[in-house]
C-alpha atoms as a PDB file:
ATOM      1  CA  MET A   1     -53.873 -92.905  25.963  1.00  0.00           C
ATOM      2  CA  ASN A   2     -53.833 -96.123  24.646  1.00  0.00           C
ATOM      3  CA  THR A   3     -51.049 -97.775  24.012  1.00  0.00           C
ATOM      4  CA  ILE A   4     -51.697 -99.257  20.664  1.00  0.00           C
ATOM      5  CA  HIS A   5     -53.027 -95.208  19.920  1.00  0.00           C
ATOM      6  CA  ALA A   6     -49.956 -94.193  20.957  1.00  0.00           C
ATOM      7  CA  ILE A   7     -47.774 -96.313  18.941  1.00  0.00           C
ATOM      8  CA  LEU A   8     -49.760 -95.581  15.955  1.00  0.00           C
ATOM      9  CA  ASP A   9     -49.569 -91.803  16.294  1.00  0.00           C
ATOM     10  CA  GLY A  10     -45.597 -92.502  16.625  1.00  0.00           C
ATOM     11  CA  ALA A  11     -45.604 -94.757  13.817  1.00  0.00           C
ATOM     12  CA  ARG A  12     -47.485 -91.789  11.989  1.00  0.00           C
ATOM     13  CA  LEU A  13     -44.573 -89.396  12.750  1.00  0.00           C
ATOM     14  CA  VAL A  14     -41.882 -91.800  11.177  1.00  0.00           C
ATOM     15  CA  HIS A  15     -43.698 -92.287   8.388  1.00  0.00           C
ATOM     16  CA  SER A  16     -44.989 -89.129   6.797  1.00  0.00           C
ATOM     17  CA  LEU A  17     -47.021 -90.724   4.256  1.00  0.00           C
ATOM     18  CA  PRO A  18     -50.459 -89.502   2.896  1.00  0.00           C
ATOM     19  CA  ILE A  19     -51.800 -92.993   3.432  1.00  0.00           C
ATOM     20  CA  LEU A  20     -50.531 -95.610   5.911  1.00  0.00           C
ATOM     21  CA  LYS A  21     -51.424 -99.197   5.008  1.00  0.00           C
ATOM     22  CA  ILE A  22     -51.967-101.175   8.419  1.00  0.00           C
ATOM     23  CA  VAL A  23     -51.762-104.911   8.894  1.00  0.00           C
ATOM     24  CA  GLU A  24     -52.884-107.313  11.579  1.00  0.00           C
ATOM     25  CA  THR A  25     -52.459-110.789  11.688  1.00  0.00           C
ATOM     26  CA  GLY A  26     -54.761-112.492  14.277  1.00  0.00           C
ATOM     27  CA  VAL A  27     -57.475-110.264  16.294  1.00  0.00           C
ATOM     28  CA  ALA A  28     -55.444-109.027  19.632  1.00  0.00           C
ATOM     29  CA  ASP A  29     -55.207-105.176  18.656  1.00  0.00           C
ATOM     30  CA  THR A  30     -58.153-105.201  15.870  1.00  0.00           C
ATOM     31  CA  ILE A  31     -60.605-102.747  18.526  1.00  0.00           C
ATOM     32  CA  ASP A  32     -57.681-100.788  19.051  1.00  0.00           C
ATOM     33  CA  ILE A  33     -56.296-100.210  15.599  1.00  0.00           C
ATOM     34  CA  ALA A  34     -59.923 -99.875  13.674  1.00  0.00           C
ATOM     35  CA  THR A  35     -60.578 -97.293  16.677  1.00  0.00           C
ATOM     36  CA  TRP A  36     -57.690 -95.130  15.827  1.00  0.00           C
ATOM     37  CA  CYS A  37     -58.550 -95.796  11.767  1.00  0.00           C
ATOM     38  CA  SER A  38     -61.459 -94.522  12.262  1.00  0.00           C
ATOM     39  CA  LYS A  39     -59.899 -91.050  13.806  1.00  0.00           C
ATOM     40  CA  ASN A  40     -57.210 -90.966  11.280  1.00  0.00           C
ATOM     41  CA  SER A  41     -58.740 -91.265   7.719  1.00  0.00           C
ATOM     42  CA  ALA A  42     -55.621 -91.191   6.597  1.00  0.00           C
ATOM     43  CA  ALA A  43     -55.026 -95.284   7.094  1.00  0.00           C
ATOM     44  CA  THR A  44     -56.317 -98.863   5.645  1.00  0.00           C
ATOM     45  CA  PHE A  45     -56.275-101.582   7.732  1.00  0.00           C
ATOM     46  CA  VAL A  46     -56.972-105.277   7.291  1.00  0.00           C
ATOM     47  CA  SER A  47     -57.291-107.347   9.806  1.00  0.00           C
ATOM     48  CA  VAL A  48     -56.520-111.765   8.970  1.00  0.00           C
ATOM     49  CA  ASP A  49     -57.388-114.267  10.795  1.00  0.00           C
ATOM     50  CA  LEU A  50     -58.687-117.867  10.537  1.00  0.00           C
ATOM     51  CA  ASP A  51     -60.795-117.721  13.748  1.00  0.00           C
ATOM     52  CA  ALA A  52     -63.778-116.363  12.196  1.00  0.00           C
ATOM     53  CA  VAL A  53     -66.086-116.212  15.736  1.00  0.00           C
ATOM     54  CA  ALA A  54     -63.552-113.569  17.111  1.00  0.00           C
ATOM     55  CA  GLN A  55     -63.345-111.587  14.063  1.00  0.00           C
ATOM     56  CA  GLU A  56     -67.242-111.291  14.036  1.00  0.00           C
ATOM     57  CA  LYS A  57     -67.414-110.466  17.885  1.00  0.00           C
ATOM     58  CA  ASN A  58     -64.454-107.554  17.242  1.00  0.00           C
ATOM     59  CA  HIS A  59     -67.309-106.710  14.142  1.00  0.00           C
ATOM     60  CA  ALA A  60     -70.053-106.147  16.263  1.00  0.00           C
ATOM     61  CA  ALA A  61     -68.331-104.178  18.980  1.00  0.00           C
ATOM     62  CA  LEU A  62     -66.638-102.057  16.182  1.00  0.00           C
ATOM     63  CA  GLU A  63     -69.770-101.116  14.605  1.00  0.00           C
ATOM     64  CA  GLN A  64     -71.226-100.088  18.393  1.00  0.00           C
ATOM     65  CA  LEU A  65     -68.029 -97.745  18.591  1.00  0.00           C
ATOM     66  CA  ASN A  66     -68.819 -96.542  14.819  1.00  0.00           C
ATOM     67  CA  ALA A  67     -65.712 -97.708  13.806  1.00  0.00           C
ATOM     68  CA  ALA A  68     -66.518-100.687  11.827  1.00  0.00           C
ATOM     69  CA  SER A  69     -66.494 -99.179   8.406  1.00  0.00           C
ATOM     70  CA  SER A  70     -62.528 -98.031   9.331  1.00  0.00           C
ATOM     71  CA  TYR A  71     -61.035-101.870   8.123  1.00  0.00           C
ATOM     72  CA  THR A  72     -61.949-105.050   6.381  1.00  0.00           C
ATOM     73  CA  TYR A  73     -61.545-108.656   7.999  1.00  0.00           C
ATOM     74  CA  ARG A  74     -60.223-111.484   5.981  1.00  0.00           C
ATOM     75  CA  THR A  75     -60.816-114.743   7.108  1.00  0.00           C
ATOM     76  CA  GLN A  76     -57.978-116.398   5.943  1.00  0.00           C
ATOM     77  CA  ASP A  77     -54.116-117.831   7.010  1.00  0.00           C
ATOM     78  CA  HIS A  78     -51.354-115.257   8.334  1.00  0.00           C
ATOM     79  CA  ASN A  79     -49.045-116.258   6.330  1.00  0.00           C
ATOM     80  CA  LYS A  80     -50.747-116.942   2.926  1.00  0.00           C
ATOM     81  CA  PHE A  81     -52.120-113.457   3.015  1.00  0.00           C
ATOM     82  CA  LEU A  82     -48.835-112.013   4.221  1.00  0.00           C
ATOM     83  CA  MET A  83     -47.345-113.543   0.829  1.00  0.00           C
ATOM     84  CA  GLN A  84     -49.969-112.092  -1.444  1.00  0.00           C
ATOM     85  CA  LEU A  85     -49.013-108.578  -0.367  1.00  0.00           C
ATOM     86  CA  THR A  86     -47.076-106.127  -2.207  1.00  0.00           C
ATOM     87  CA  TRP A  87     -46.605-103.290   0.286  1.00  0.00           C
ATOM     88  CA  ILE A  88     -47.607-102.231   3.437  1.00  0.00           C
ATOM     89  CA  ASP A  89     -46.717 -99.655   6.011  1.00  0.00           C
ATOM     90  CA  ILE A  90     -47.386-100.864   9.519  1.00  0.00           C
ATOM     91  CA  ALA A  91     -47.692-104.948  10.499  1.00  0.00           C
ATOM     92  CA  PHE A  92     -48.866-105.822  13.714  1.00  0.00           C
ATOM     93  CA  LEU A  93     -48.285-109.315  13.945  1.00  0.00           C
ATOM     94  CA  ASN A  94     -49.796-112.056  16.292  1.00  0.00           C
ATOM     95  CA  PRO A  95     -47.905-115.449  15.792  1.00  0.00           C
ATOM     96  CA  GLU A  96     -48.713-118.436  17.537  1.00  0.00           C
ATOM     97  CA  ASN A  97     -44.997-119.463  18.617  1.00  0.00           C
ATOM     98  CA  LEU A  98     -41.644-117.694  18.176  1.00  0.00           C
ATOM     99  CA  GLN A  99     -40.856-119.561  14.893  1.00  0.00           C
ATOM    100  CA  ASP A 100     -44.306-118.434  13.470  1.00  0.00           C
ATOM    101  CA  GLY A 101     -43.069-114.766  14.534  1.00  0.00           C
ATOM    102  CA  LEU A 102     -39.913-114.635  12.805  1.00  0.00           C
ATOM    103  CA  GLU A 103     -41.514-116.633   9.320  1.00  0.00           C
ATOM    104  CA  GLU A 104     -44.094-113.372   9.648  1.00  0.00           C
ATOM    105  CA  PHE A 105     -41.410-111.030  10.380  1.00  0.00           C
ATOM    106  CA  LYS A 106     -40.150-112.093   6.964  1.00  0.00           C
ATOM    107  CA  LEU A 107     -43.052-112.318   4.880  1.00  0.00           C
ATOM    108  CA  ALA A 108     -43.955-108.655   6.513  1.00  0.00           C
ATOM    109  CA  LEU A 109     -40.166-107.701   5.896  1.00  0.00           C
ATOM    110  CA  SER A 110     -40.647-109.157   2.155  1.00  0.00           C
ATOM    111  CA  ALA A 111     -44.036-106.642   1.682  1.00  0.00           C
ATOM    112  CA  GLY A 112     -42.248-103.787   2.383  1.00  0.00           C
ATOM    113  CA  ALA A 113     -43.432-102.866   5.860  1.00  0.00           C
ATOM    114  CA  ARG A 114     -41.277-100.399   7.522  1.00  0.00           C
ATOM    115  CA  THR A 115     -42.887-100.598  11.026  1.00  0.00           C
ATOM    116  CA  ILE A 116     -43.633-104.392  13.007  1.00  0.00           C
ATOM    117  CA  ILE A 117     -44.942-104.666  16.321  1.00  0.00           C
ATOM    118  CA  MET A 118     -45.389-107.821  17.630  1.00  0.00           C
ATOM    119  CA  ARG A 119     -46.779-109.237  21.374  1.00  0.00           C
ATOM    120  CA  ASP A 120     -45.176-111.407  23.652  1.00  0.00           C
ATOM    121  CA  TYR A 121     -41.369-110.986  23.198  1.00  0.00           C
ATOM    122  CA  GLN A 122     -40.631-114.103  24.946  1.00  0.00           C
ATOM    123  CA  SER A 123     -42.632-116.960  23.411  1.00  0.00           C
ATOM    124  CA  ARG A 124     -43.570-114.861  20.015  1.00  0.00           C
ATOM    125  CA  ALA A 125     -41.459-112.157  19.303  1.00  0.00           C
ATOM    126  CA  TYR A 126     -37.631-112.999  20.266  1.00  0.00           C
ATOM    127  CA  LEU A 127     -36.607-114.244  17.018  1.00  0.00           C
ATOM    128  CA  ALA A 128     -38.196-111.851  14.960  1.00  0.00           C
ATOM    129  CA  VAL A 129     -36.203-109.149  16.716  1.00  0.00           C
ATOM    130  CA  LYS A 130     -33.228-110.710  16.840  1.00  0.00           C
ATOM    131  CA  GLN A 131     -33.202-110.827  13.135  1.00  0.00           C
ATOM    132  CA  ALA A 132     -34.974-107.751  12.858  1.00  0.00           C
ATOM    133  CA  LYS A 133     -31.105-106.430  14.403  1.00  0.00           C
ATOM    134  CA  ARG A 134     -28.969-108.196  12.214  1.00  0.00           C
ATOM    135  CA  PHE A 135     -30.538-106.485   9.594  1.00  0.00           C
ATOM    136  CA  GLY A 136     -30.190-102.807  11.384  1.00  0.00           C
ATOM    137  CA  TRP A 137     -33.553-102.341  12.398  1.00  0.00           C
ATOM    138  CA  GLU A 138     -34.098-100.119  15.702  1.00  0.00           C
ATOM    139  CA  ALA A 139     -35.967-102.134  18.265  1.00  0.00           C
ATOM    140  CA  HIS A 140     -38.356-100.481  20.924  1.00  0.00           C
ATOM    141  CA  PHE A 141     -40.227-101.800  23.962  1.00  0.00           C
ATOM    142  CA  THR A 142     -43.394-100.759  25.124  1.00  0.00           C
ATOM    143  CA  GLY A 143     -45.274-102.895  27.861  1.00  0.00           C
ATOM    144  CA  ASP A 144     -46.074-106.297  25.842  1.00  0.00           C
ATOM    145  CA  TYR A 145     -44.947-104.654  23.046  1.00  0.00           C
ATOM    146  CA  SER A 146     -42.025-105.635  20.715  1.00  0.00           C
ATOM    147  CA  ILE A 147     -42.089-102.188  18.057  1.00  0.00           C
ATOM    148  CA  LEU A 148     -39.359-102.870  15.228  1.00  0.00           C
ATOM    149  CA  ILE A 149     -38.808 -99.873  12.933  1.00  0.00           C
ATOM    150  CA  ARG A 150     -36.864 -99.933   9.637  1.00  0.00           C
ATOM    151  CA  ALA A 151     -33.654 -98.027   9.539  1.00  0.00           C
ATOM    152  CA  THR A 152     -33.901 -95.270   7.373  1.00  0.00           C
ATOM    153  CA  ASN A 153     -30.541 -94.927   4.769  1.00  0.00           C
END
């Protein structure tokens, strides 16, 4: 099974919500997230990145898979986009480095994210994972992904 699909299936169980609001910064997992959303109509998905060429390539690939209508993409700075959000359930964060990872984590946290998924623990996610643990979040690791789940009190 696809790792992203397995993560999202697990998140669906953890967050028994009528609609999952999913955001991705960067374009690393857009195709996998959008194909999952195309089969799970109770999800909304926005992918945001400054690389319009990569976004267009992903969109063309998703059109071939009949999954392009399952998401929206925006050409915008990650942090500026995250600052505008008032609520999200799941955030896939693909920052440039450790410090950006921490900043994106804090912004996703302030937007209400219940689950945050990040790639590359050593060079992008370490500081965010450390902060999440301080806040009492659970941290799980699978393959290249760090999965942070907000503690439910």
